[in-house]
């Protein structure tokens, strides 16, 4: 992914089931489409050139790991 965009998280981001989220202030490399989606919704902001993240790891003390993903219920046809 050579065209990744750097963003800084404004909210905790759960990216894997069973793991703690990425804390606020984390520098993340994501696709331009995902970056635009997150910026528009206030999940992250665009990082300035050369900016490094400053994660708030203390906030993770009160957060739980993401729950496991489950399949949606089947509906009878």
N, C-alpha and C. Protein backbone atom coordinates (compact mmCIF):
# COMPACT_ATOMS: atom_id res chain seq x y z
N UNK A 1 0.83 -1.19 0.00
CA UNK A 1 0.00 0.00 0.00
C UNK A 1 0.88 1.25 0.00
N UNK A 2 1.35 1.61 -1.11
CA UNK A 2 2.24 2.75 -1.22
C UNK A 2 1.52 4.08 -1.06
N UNK A 3 0.22 4.09 -1.28
CA UNK A 3 -0.53 5.33 -1.23
C UNK A 3 -1.24 5.54 0.11
N UNK A 4 -0.70 4.97 1.19
CA UNK A 4 -1.34 5.11 2.49
C UNK A 4 -1.31 6.56 2.96
N UNK A 5 -2.30 6.89 3.78
CA UNK A 5 -2.44 8.22 4.35
C UNK A 5 -2.24 8.12 5.86
N UNK A 6 -1.50 9.04 6.44
CA UNK A 6 -1.30 9.07 7.88
C UNK A 6 -2.41 9.86 8.54
N UNK A 7 -2.99 9.27 9.59
CA UNK A 7 -4.02 9.94 10.38
C UNK A 7 -3.69 9.76 11.86
N UNK A 8 -4.23 10.65 12.69
CA UNK A 8 -4.11 10.57 14.14
C UNK A 8 -5.50 10.26 14.69
N UNK A 9 -5.62 9.22 15.49
CA UNK A 9 -6.93 8.82 16.01
C UNK A 9 -7.44 9.84 17.03
N UNK A 10 -8.73 10.15 16.94
CA UNK A 10 -9.40 11.04 17.89
C UNK A 10 -10.29 10.26 18.84
N UNK A 11 -10.50 8.99 18.54
CA UNK A 11 -11.29 8.08 19.36
C UNK A 11 -10.55 6.75 19.41
N UNK A 12 -10.82 5.93 20.42
CA UNK A 12 -10.22 4.59 20.42
C UNK A 12 -10.70 3.81 19.19
N UNK A 13 -9.81 3.08 18.57
CA UNK A 13 -10.15 2.32 17.35
C UNK A 13 -9.91 0.85 17.61
N UNK A 14 -11.00 0.08 17.63
CA UNK A 14 -10.92 -1.37 17.77
C UNK A 14 -10.65 -1.95 16.39
N UNK A 15 -9.52 -2.62 16.23
CA UNK A 15 -9.19 -3.17 14.92
C UNK A 15 -9.13 -4.69 14.88
N UNK A 16 -9.13 -5.34 16.07
CA UNK A 16 -9.09 -6.80 16.10
C UNK A 16 -9.89 -7.31 17.28
N UNK A 17 -10.69 -8.36 17.07
CA UNK A 17 -11.44 -8.96 18.18
C UNK A 17 -10.49 -9.48 19.25
N UNK A 18 -10.88 -9.34 20.52
CA UNK A 18 -10.10 -9.86 21.61
C UNK A 18 -8.90 -9.02 22.02
N UNK A 19 -8.71 -7.86 21.39
CA UNK A 19 -7.56 -7.01 21.71
C UNK A 19 -8.04 -5.62 22.13
N UNK A 20 -7.19 -4.93 22.87
CA UNK A 20 -7.51 -3.57 23.26
C UNK A 20 -7.48 -2.66 22.03
N UNK A 21 -8.20 -1.53 22.10
CA UNK A 21 -8.22 -0.63 20.94
C UNK A 21 -6.92 0.16 20.81
N UNK A 22 -6.74 0.76 19.66
CA UNK A 22 -5.64 1.72 19.48
C UNK A 22 -6.05 2.97 20.25
N UNK A 23 -5.18 3.49 21.13
CA UNK A 23 -5.58 4.64 21.95
C UNK A 23 -5.67 5.94 21.15
N UNK A 24 -6.36 6.90 21.72
CA UNK A 24 -6.46 8.24 21.13
C UNK A 24 -5.05 8.78 20.96
N UNK A 25 -4.80 9.42 19.82
CA UNK A 25 -3.49 10.00 19.54
C UNK A 25 -2.53 9.09 18.81
N UNK A 26 -2.98 7.91 18.42
CA UNK A 26 -2.12 6.96 17.71
C UNK A 26 -1.99 7.36 16.24
N UNK A 27 -0.78 7.31 15.72
CA UNK A 27 -0.53 7.55 14.31
C UNK A 27 -0.80 6.26 13.56
N UNK A 28 -1.69 6.31 12.58
CA UNK A 28 -2.06 5.12 11.81
C UNK A 28 -1.89 5.40 10.33
N UNK A 29 -1.46 4.39 9.58
CA UNK A 29 -1.39 4.47 8.12
C UNK A 29 -2.56 3.68 7.57
N UNK A 30 -3.45 4.37 6.86
CA UNK A 30 -4.65 3.73 6.30
C UNK A 30 -4.82 4.16 4.85
N UNK A 31 -5.72 3.49 4.16
CA UNK A 31 -5.98 3.84 2.77
C UNK A 31 -6.60 5.25 2.71
N UNK A 32 -6.42 5.94 1.59
CA UNK A 32 -7.01 7.29 1.47
C UNK A 32 -8.53 7.28 1.65
N UNK A 33 -9.19 6.22 1.19
CA UNK A 33 -10.64 6.14 1.32
C UNK A 33 -11.06 6.03 2.78
N UNK A 34 -10.36 5.16 3.54
CA UNK A 34 -10.66 4.99 4.96
C UNK A 34 -10.32 6.27 5.72
N UNK A 35 -9.22 6.92 5.37
CA UNK A 35 -8.84 8.18 6.02
C UNK A 35 -9.93 9.23 5.82
N UNK A 36 -10.43 9.35 4.61
CA UNK A 36 -11.49 10.33 4.34
C UNK A 36 -12.75 10.00 5.13
N UNK A 37 -13.11 8.72 5.22
CA UNK A 37 -14.28 8.27 5.97
C UNK A 37 -14.13 8.64 7.44
N UNK A 38 -12.96 8.33 8.03
CA UNK A 38 -12.72 8.62 9.44
C UNK A 38 -12.70 10.11 9.72
N UNK A 39 -12.06 10.90 8.87
CA UNK A 39 -11.97 12.34 9.07
C UNK A 39 -13.36 12.97 9.02
N UNK A 40 -14.16 12.55 8.06
CA UNK A 40 -15.51 13.10 7.91
C UNK A 40 -16.37 12.82 9.14
N UNK A 41 -16.14 11.69 9.78
CA UNK A 41 -16.95 11.29 10.94
C UNK A 41 -16.31 11.61 12.28
N UNK A 42 -15.18 12.27 12.29
CA UNK A 42 -14.53 12.67 13.53
C UNK A 42 -13.83 11.54 14.27
N UNK A 43 -13.52 10.47 13.58
CA UNK A 43 -12.83 9.34 14.20
C UNK A 43 -11.33 9.60 14.23
N UNK A 44 -10.82 10.32 13.24
CA UNK A 44 -9.40 10.63 13.13
C UNK A 44 -9.25 11.97 12.42
N UNK A 45 -8.04 12.48 12.46
CA UNK A 45 -7.72 13.70 11.72
C UNK A 45 -6.48 13.44 10.89
N UNK A 46 -6.31 14.21 9.83
CA UNK A 46 -5.13 14.04 8.98
C UNK A 46 -3.89 14.45 9.77
N UNK A 47 -2.84 13.69 9.65
CA UNK A 47 -1.58 14.00 10.33
C UNK A 47 -0.78 14.97 9.47
N UNK A 48 -0.13 15.92 10.11
CA UNK A 48 0.75 16.84 9.41
C UNK A 48 2.00 16.08 8.97
N UNK A 49 2.67 16.60 7.95
CA UNK A 49 3.88 15.95 7.45
C UNK A 49 4.91 15.85 8.58
N UNK A 50 5.43 14.66 8.80
CA UNK A 50 6.43 14.42 9.82
C UNK A 50 5.90 14.32 11.24
N UNK A 51 4.59 14.45 11.42
CA UNK A 51 4.00 14.38 12.76
C UNK A 51 4.07 12.95 13.29
N UNK A 52 4.38 12.83 14.56
CA UNK A 52 4.41 11.53 15.22
C UNK A 52 3.22 11.46 16.16
N UNK A 53 2.69 10.29 16.34
CA UNK A 53 1.57 10.13 17.25
C UNK A 53 1.98 10.29 18.71
N UNK A 54 1.01 10.60 19.55
CA UNK A 54 1.24 10.71 20.99
C UNK A 54 0.10 9.95 21.67
N UNK A 55 0.13 8.61 21.66
CA UNK A 55 -0.98 7.82 22.19
C UNK A 55 -1.19 8.04 23.69
N UNK A 56 -2.46 8.12 24.06
CA UNK A 56 -2.85 8.25 25.47
C UNK A 56 -3.05 6.85 26.03
N UNK A 57 -1.97 6.19 26.39
CA UNK A 57 -2.05 4.80 26.85
C UNK A 57 -2.72 4.66 28.21
N UNK A 58 -2.76 5.72 28.99
CA UNK A 58 -3.43 5.65 30.29
C UNK A 58 -4.92 5.41 30.14
N UNK A 59 -5.50 5.88 29.04
CA UNK A 59 -6.94 5.69 28.82
C UNK A 59 -7.30 4.22 28.60
N UNK A 60 -6.34 3.40 28.22
CA UNK A 60 -6.61 1.99 27.97
C UNK A 60 -6.90 1.22 29.26
N UNK A 61 -6.55 1.78 30.39
CA UNK A 61 -6.75 1.09 31.67
C UNK A 61 -8.24 0.83 31.93
N UNK A 62 -9.11 1.67 31.41
CA UNK A 62 -10.54 1.51 31.65
C UNK A 62 -11.28 0.85 30.49
N UNK A 63 -10.57 0.49 29.43
CA UNK A 63 -11.22 -0.08 28.25
C UNK A 63 -11.11 -1.60 28.25
N UNK A 64 -12.09 -2.24 27.66
CA UNK A 64 -12.09 -3.70 27.54
C UNK A 64 -11.67 -4.11 26.14
N UNK A 65 -11.20 -5.33 25.99
CA UNK A 65 -10.90 -5.83 24.64
C UNK A 65 -12.18 -5.92 23.81
N UNK A 66 -12.02 -5.87 22.52
CA UNK A 66 -13.16 -5.99 21.62
C UNK A 66 -13.76 -7.39 21.74
N UNK A 67 -15.09 -7.50 21.69
CA UNK A 67 -15.69 -8.83 21.75
C UNK A 67 -15.44 -9.60 20.46
N UNK A 68 -15.56 -10.92 20.55
CA UNK A 68 -15.41 -11.75 19.35
C UNK A 68 -16.56 -11.47 18.39
N UNK A 69 -16.26 -11.57 17.13
CA UNK A 69 -17.28 -11.36 16.09
C UNK A 69 -18.16 -12.60 16.02
N UNK A 70 -19.45 -12.40 15.83
CA UNK A 70 -20.37 -13.51 15.66
C UNK A 70 -21.12 -13.33 14.36
N UNK A 71 -21.52 -14.42 13.79
CA UNK A 71 -22.28 -14.37 12.54
C UNK A 71 -23.69 -13.84 12.81
N UNK A 72 -24.27 -13.11 11.86
CA UNK A 72 -25.63 -12.65 12.05
C UNK A 72 -26.59 -13.83 12.09
N UNK A 73 -27.73 -13.69 12.76
CA UNK A 73 -28.68 -14.80 12.80
C UNK A 73 -29.25 -15.08 11.42
N UNK A 74 -29.53 -16.33 11.17
CA UNK A 74 -30.11 -16.69 9.88
C UNK A 74 -31.61 -16.47 9.94
N UNK A 75 -32.15 -16.04 8.83
CA UNK A 75 -33.60 -15.83 8.75
C UNK A 75 -34.19 -16.92 7.87
N UNK A 76 -35.28 -17.51 8.32
CA UNK A 76 -35.89 -18.56 7.49
C UNK A 76 -36.41 -17.97 6.18
N UNK A 77 -36.29 -18.73 5.10
CA UNK A 77 -36.78 -18.23 3.80
C UNK A 77 -38.21 -18.62 3.55
